[in-house]
Amino acid sequence: MLIKLIAVDLDGTLLNSEQKITTLTKEALQKAAAMGIKVVPCSGRPFPGVKEYLEELNLADKNQYAVTFNGALVFNLSGKVLVKELLNYTDLKYFYDLGQKYDMQFHFELEDRFVTSEHFLNYFMSRESWLTRMPIEVTNFEKIDQNIAFTKGMFSGSPDRIVEFLKQLPQELFEKYNVSTSDPTLVEINSLTASKGNALKELGQTLGIASEQIMIFGDQRNDLSMFNESGFHKVAMGNAIDEIKQKADFVTKTNDEDGIAYALGELVF
């Protein structure tokens, strides 16, 4: 199997339950890179929260790439933006009003920070800030610049509340935007054209890499756009949701059992 690019989700895929890259996974990805294969993180996280893991893998040079904010921005590791799919103030007001209607904490992401009008942050929003290494700016909604462009909107709450909230949301939201979840405590909303699958396909075209030469790894709903793309070699983690596993060509071991390393050993090396 000729693979030129390996795309890996972070949470639940590259990272184990302790938010770490295991030794075997690190060695496997470094071996792939030594073979000339691009290793590309594809995450809902922002650039700073992705770059540190490429640095840990010793792959943080200007010829490496990262798909961030669920595909809203694609960077090379020098910080140059290759793909940009942003949202505007009209989108923001729509999301904010939904949060008010259903009593959900809402925040949105710029390239370098979260912004929210919530003065009493819940644990889930605080945890997301810590995981992504992004500060939170608190401001009144009326003070937000109406010329703003942002990467992603997010609602946070307990897993039970998120399940209930998803059922309450109007169908038009799903028709007009890319709605996904990377964690049971979050609902993430991107531009309809912003997705990991679209971004990865566009990156492949930019680099002259065919879809058939791309292998993807994922586990959650925000990875579905990659698993819906034709041509990719699709690997579901053992801990993936059923919908991901059903679309996969291969189901590997879990993120706590070196699933990436196992699949690369079976399929690539």
Protein backbone atom coordinates (compact mmCIF):
# COMPACT_ATOMS: atom_id res chain seq x y z
CA MET A 1 0.00 0.00 0.00
CA LEU A 2 1.59 3.27 -1.16
CA ILE A 3 0.81 5.95 1.43
CA LYS A 4 2.20 9.49 1.18
CA LEU A 5 0.16 11.22 3.90
CA ILE A 6 -1.12 10.01 7.27
CA ALA A 7 -3.82 12.19 8.85
CA VAL A 8 -4.44 11.69 12.57
CA ASP A 9 -7.09 13.10 14.84
CA LEU A 10 -5.75 14.07 18.28
CA ASP A 11 -8.19 13.41 21.13
CA GLY A 12 -9.09 9.73 21.31
CA THR A 13 -6.74 8.88 18.45
CA LEU A 14 -3.16 10.18 18.63
CA LEU A 15 -3.52 10.90 22.36
CA ASN A 16 -4.34 8.25 24.93
CA SER A 17 -6.71 8.71 27.86
CA GLU A 18 -3.99 10.61 29.73
CA GLN A 19 -3.63 13.08 26.84
CA LYS A 20 -0.22 11.68 25.94
CA ILE A 21 1.40 10.15 22.85
CA THR A 22 2.57 6.66 23.75
CA THR A 23 6.13 5.57 22.99
CA LEU A 24 5.09 2.98 20.37
CA THR A 25 2.82 5.46 18.58
CA LYS A 26 5.57 8.07 18.56
CA GLU A 27 8.10 5.61 17.14
CA ALA A 28 5.67 4.43 14.46
CA LEU A 29 4.89 7.95 13.24
CA GLN A 30 8.56 8.90 13.26
CA LYS A 31 9.29 5.79 11.18
CA ALA A 32 6.58 6.83 8.72
CA ALA A 33 8.05 10.33 8.50
CA ALA A 34 11.52 8.86 7.87
CA MET A 35 9.98 7.01 4.91
CA GLY A 36 8.91 10.36 3.45
CA ILE A 37 5.27 10.16 4.56
CA LYS A 38 3.65 13.41 5.71
CA VAL A 39 2.14 13.14 9.21
CA VAL A 40 -0.71 15.65 9.47
CA PRO A 41 -2.72 16.29 12.66
CA CYS A 42 -6.41 16.88 11.85
CA SER A 43 -8.10 18.36 14.89
CA GLY A 44 -10.82 20.60 16.19
CA ARG A 45 -8.08 22.23 18.24
CA PRO A 46 -6.39 25.54 17.33
CA PHE A 47 -2.88 25.76 15.92
CA PRO A 48 -1.04 26.17 19.28
CA GLY A 49 -2.80 23.10 20.67
CA VAL A 50 -1.67 21.03 17.67
CA LYS A 51 1.86 22.30 17.02
CA GLU A 52 3.16 21.10 20.40
CA TYR A 53 2.44 17.48 19.47
CA LEU A 54 4.31 17.77 16.18
CA GLU A 55 7.19 19.21 18.19
CA GLU A 56 6.99 16.22 20.51
CA LEU A 57 7.18 13.95 17.45
CA ASN A 58 10.19 15.96 16.18
CA LEU A 59 8.18 16.82 13.06
CA ALA A 60 7.70 20.56 13.54
CA ASP A 61 9.44 21.95 10.46
CA LYS A 62 8.13 24.27 7.76
CA ASN A 63 7.34 21.34 5.46
CA GLN A 64 4.83 19.86 7.90
CA TYR A 65 1.13 20.75 7.99
CA ALA A 66 -1.79 20.83 10.40
CA VAL A 67 -5.56 20.86 9.85
CA THR A 68 -7.07 22.89 12.71
CA PHE A 69 -10.46 24.12 13.95
CA ASN A 70 -12.15 21.11 12.26
CA GLY A 71 -10.84 22.22 8.88
CA ALA A 72 -11.52 25.95 9.11
CA LEU A 73 -7.78 26.65 8.88
CA VAL A 74 -4.90 24.62 7.46
CA PHE A 75 -1.39 25.78 8.37
CA ASN A 76 2.11 24.82 7.52
CA LEU A 77 4.31 24.78 10.60
CA SER A 78 5.78 28.19 9.85
CA GLY A 79 2.28 29.56 10.49
CA LYS A 80 1.29 30.21 6.85
CA VAL A 81 -2.43 29.62 6.19
CA LEU A 82 -3.15 27.39 3.18
CA VAL A 83 -6.92 26.93 3.64
CA LYS A 84 -9.35 29.35 5.33
CA GLU A 85 -13.11 28.83 5.83
CA LEU A 86 -14.45 31.35 8.36
CA LEU A 87 -17.76 32.49 9.85
CA ASN A 88 -19.10 36.04 10.25
CA TYR A 89 -21.13 38.18 12.66
CA THR A 90 -24.49 37.03 11.25
CA ASP A 91 -23.49 33.45 12.05
CA LEU A 92 -22.29 34.50 15.49
CA LYS A 93 -25.58 36.23 16.35
CA TYR A 94 -27.52 33.13 15.26
CA PHE A 95 -25.41 30.85 17.49
CA TYR A 96 -25.56 33.28 20.41
CA ASP A 97 -29.37 33.46 20.21
CA LEU A 98 -29.56 29.64 20.23
CA GLY A 99 -27.47 29.60 23.37
CA GLN A 100 -29.78 32.11 25.02
CA LYS A 101 -32.90 30.22 23.95
CA TYR A 102 -31.73 26.85 25.27
CA ASP A 103 -29.69 28.13 28.23
CA MET A 104 -26.39 26.77 26.91
CA GLN A 105 -22.95 28.24 27.47
CA PHE A 106 -21.58 29.46 24.14
CA HIS A 107 -18.14 30.56 23.08
CA PHE A 108 -16.41 31.08 19.77
CA GLU A 109 -12.83 30.75 18.60
CA LEU A 110 -10.45 33.15 16.97
CA GLU A 111 -7.01 31.99 15.87
CA ASP A 112 -5.45 32.84 19.22
CA ARG A 113 -8.23 32.80 21.85
CA PHE A 114 -11.75 31.88 22.89
CA VAL A 115 -14.33 34.63 23.31
CA THR A 116 -17.48 34.33 25.42
CA SER A 117 -20.07 36.51 27.10
CA GLU A 118 -20.37 34.01 29.96
CA HIS A 119 -19.05 35.58 33.18
CA PHE A 120 -19.39 32.29 35.10
CA LEU A 121 -17.65 29.66 33.00
CA ASN A 122 -18.59 26.02 33.35
CA TYR A 123 -15.99 23.31 33.92
CA PHE A 124 -16.24 22.03 30.35
CA MET A 125 -15.38 25.39 28.78
CA SER A 126 -12.48 25.86 31.22
CA ARG A 127 -11.19 22.37 30.42
CA GLU A 128 -11.29 23.09 26.68
CA SER A 129 -9.21 26.23 27.25
CA TRP A 130 -6.63 24.21 29.18
CA LEU A 131 -6.47 21.39 26.62
CA THR A 132 -6.04 23.70 23.66
CA ARG A 133 -3.63 26.14 25.37
CA MET A 134 -5.94 29.02 24.42
CA PRO A 135 -6.94 31.85 26.78
CA ILE A 136 -10.58 32.89 27.23
CA GLU A 137 -11.65 36.49 26.71
CA VAL A 138 -14.90 37.44 28.47
CA THR A 139 -16.85 40.34 26.96
CA ASN A 140 -20.43 41.54 26.59
CA PHE A 141 -21.93 40.41 23.30
CA GLU A 142 -22.88 43.99 22.38
CA LYS A 143 -19.19 44.95 22.36
CA ILE A 144 -18.18 42.42 19.71
CA ASP A 145 -17.04 43.97 16.41
CA GLN A 146 -19.65 43.28 13.72
CA ASN A 147 -16.86 42.90 11.16
CA ILE A 148 -15.51 39.89 13.03
CA ALA A 149 -14.48 36.68 11.26
CA PHE A 150 -14.06 33.57 13.40
CA THR A 151 -13.20 29.91 12.98
CA LYS A 152 -15.75 27.97 15.02
CA GLY A 153 -18.65 28.29 17.45
CA MET A 154 -18.99 25.93 20.44
CA PHE A 155 -21.62 25.03 23.03
CA SER A 156 -20.54 23.24 26.21
CA GLY A 157 -22.34 21.25 28.89
CA SER A 158 -22.60 17.88 30.58
CA PRO A 159 -22.82 14.82 28.26
CA ASP A 160 -26.52 14.35 29.11
CA ARG A 161 -27.26 18.01 28.43
CA ILE A 162 -25.41 17.88 25.10
CA VAL A 163 -27.49 14.88 23.96
CA GLU A 164 -30.68 16.77 24.87
CA PHE A 165 -29.43 19.98 23.23
CA LEU A 166 -28.65 18.24 19.93
CA LYS A 167 -32.26 17.01 19.82
CA GLN A 168 -33.57 20.55 20.44
CA LEU A 169 -31.56 22.26 17.72
CA PRO A 170 -33.47 23.32 14.58
CA GLN A 171 -32.94 21.34 11.38
CA GLU A 172 -31.85 24.48 9.54
CA LEU A 173 -28.70 24.62 11.68
CA PHE A 174 -27.60 21.25 10.31
CA GLU A 175 -28.49 22.33 6.77
CA LYS A 176 -26.56 25.63 6.91
CA TYR A 177 -23.52 24.59 8.96
CA ASN A 178 -21.16 21.73 9.68
CA VAL A 179 -22.28 20.58 13.16
CA SER A 180 -20.11 18.01 14.92
CA THR A 181 -18.83 16.74 18.26
CA SER A 182 -15.26 15.86 19.21
CA ASP A 183 -16.12 15.31 22.86
CA PRO A 184 -19.36 14.37 24.68
CA THR A 185 -19.34 17.78 26.39
CA LEU A 186 -19.11 19.95 23.25
CA VAL A 187 -21.10 20.85 20.14
CA GLU A 188 -18.91 22.44 17.48
CA ILE A 189 -20.19 24.50 14.53
CA ASN A 190 -18.15 25.38 11.46
CA SER A 191 -18.86 26.82 8.05
CA LEU A 192 -20.63 24.27 5.86
CA THR A 193 -17.54 24.12 3.66
CA ALA A 194 -15.16 23.76 6.61
CA SER A 195 -14.52 20.14 7.53
CA LYS A 196 -11.56 17.88 8.15
CA GLY A 197 -12.43 15.93 5.00
CA ASN A 198 -12.58 18.97 2.72
CA ALA A 199 -9.43 20.48 4.21
CA LEU A 200 -7.47 17.27 3.91
CA LYS A 201 -8.58 16.75 0.31
CA GLU A 202 -7.56 20.31 -0.56
CA LEU A 203 -4.20 19.88 1.18
CA GLY A 204 -3.61 16.68 -0.77
CA GLN A 205 -4.30 18.50 -4.03
CA THR A 206 -1.91 21.30 -3.03
CA LEU A 207 0.84 18.78 -2.29
CA GLY A 208 0.14 16.64 -5.36
CA ILE A 209 -0.98 13.67 -3.24
CA ALA A 210 -3.90 11.61 -4.53
CA SER A 211 -6.76 10.63 -2.21
CA GLU A 212 -5.74 6.97 -2.61
CA GLN A 213 -2.35 7.84 -1.06
CA ILE A 214 -3.89 9.29 2.12
CA MET A 215 -4.55 7.24 5.25
CA ILE A 216 -6.81 8.67 7.97
CA PHE A 217 -7.29 7.82 11.64
CA GLY A 218 -10.26 8.97 13.74
CA ASP A 219 -12.79 8.15 16.41
CA GLN A 220 -15.51 10.83 16.80
CA ARG A 221 -18.26 12.62 14.87
CA ASN A 222 -16.00 15.50 13.85
CA ASP A 223 -13.92 12.90 11.97
CA LEU A 224 -16.88 11.72 9.88
CA SER A 225 -16.16 14.13 7.03
CA MET A 226 -12.83 12.34 6.50
CA PHE A 227 -14.54 8.94 6.56
CA ASN A 228 -17.15 10.16 4.04
CA GLU A 229 -14.50 11.08 1.47
CA SER A 230 -13.96 8.53 -1.27
CA GLY A 231 -10.46 7.25 -1.89
CA PHE A 232 -8.94 7.68 1.55
CA HIS A 233 -7.71 4.58 3.39
CA LYS A 234 -9.88 4.78 6.52
CA VAL A 235 -8.78 3.45 9.90
CA ALA A 236 -11.15 3.61 12.89
CA MET A 237 -9.75 3.46 16.38
CA GLY A 238 -10.96 0.59 18.57
CA ASN A 239 -12.59 3.22 20.81
CA ALA A 240 -14.36 4.94 17.88
CA ILE A 241 -18.09 5.49 17.69
CA ASP A 242 -20.01 2.88 15.67
CA GLU A 243 -20.67 5.27 12.80
CA ILE A 244 -16.93 5.69 12.25
CA LYS A 245 -16.27 1.95 12.49
CA GLN A 246 -18.98 1.20 9.91
CA LYS A 247 -17.31 3.51 7.38
CA ALA A 248 -13.76 2.26 8.05
CA ASP A 249 -11.65 -0.07 5.92
CA PHE A 250 -9.84 -1.27 9.04
CA VAL A 251 -10.60 -1.10 12.77
CA THR A 252 -7.44 -0.96 14.84
CA LYS A 253 -6.81 -1.18 18.58
CA THR A 254 -7.83 1.62 20.95
CA ASN A 255 -5.89 4.81 21.64
CA ASP A 256 -4.77 3.24 24.94
CA GLU A 257 -3.45 0.18 23.09
CA ASP A 258 -1.21 1.92 20.52
CA GLY A 259 -3.90 1.68 17.82
CA ILE A 260 -2.05 3.90 15.34
CA ALA A 261 1.19 1.93 15.70
CA TYR A 262 -0.68 -1.37 15.29
CA ALA A 263 -2.45 -0.25 12.11
CA LEU A 264 0.70 1.15 10.54
CA GLY A 265 2.48 -2.11 11.28
CA GLU A 266 -0.30 -4.12 9.63
CA LEU A 267 -1.03 -1.84 6.66
CA VAL A 268 2.01 0.30 5.85
CA PHE A 269 5.24 -1.13 7.23
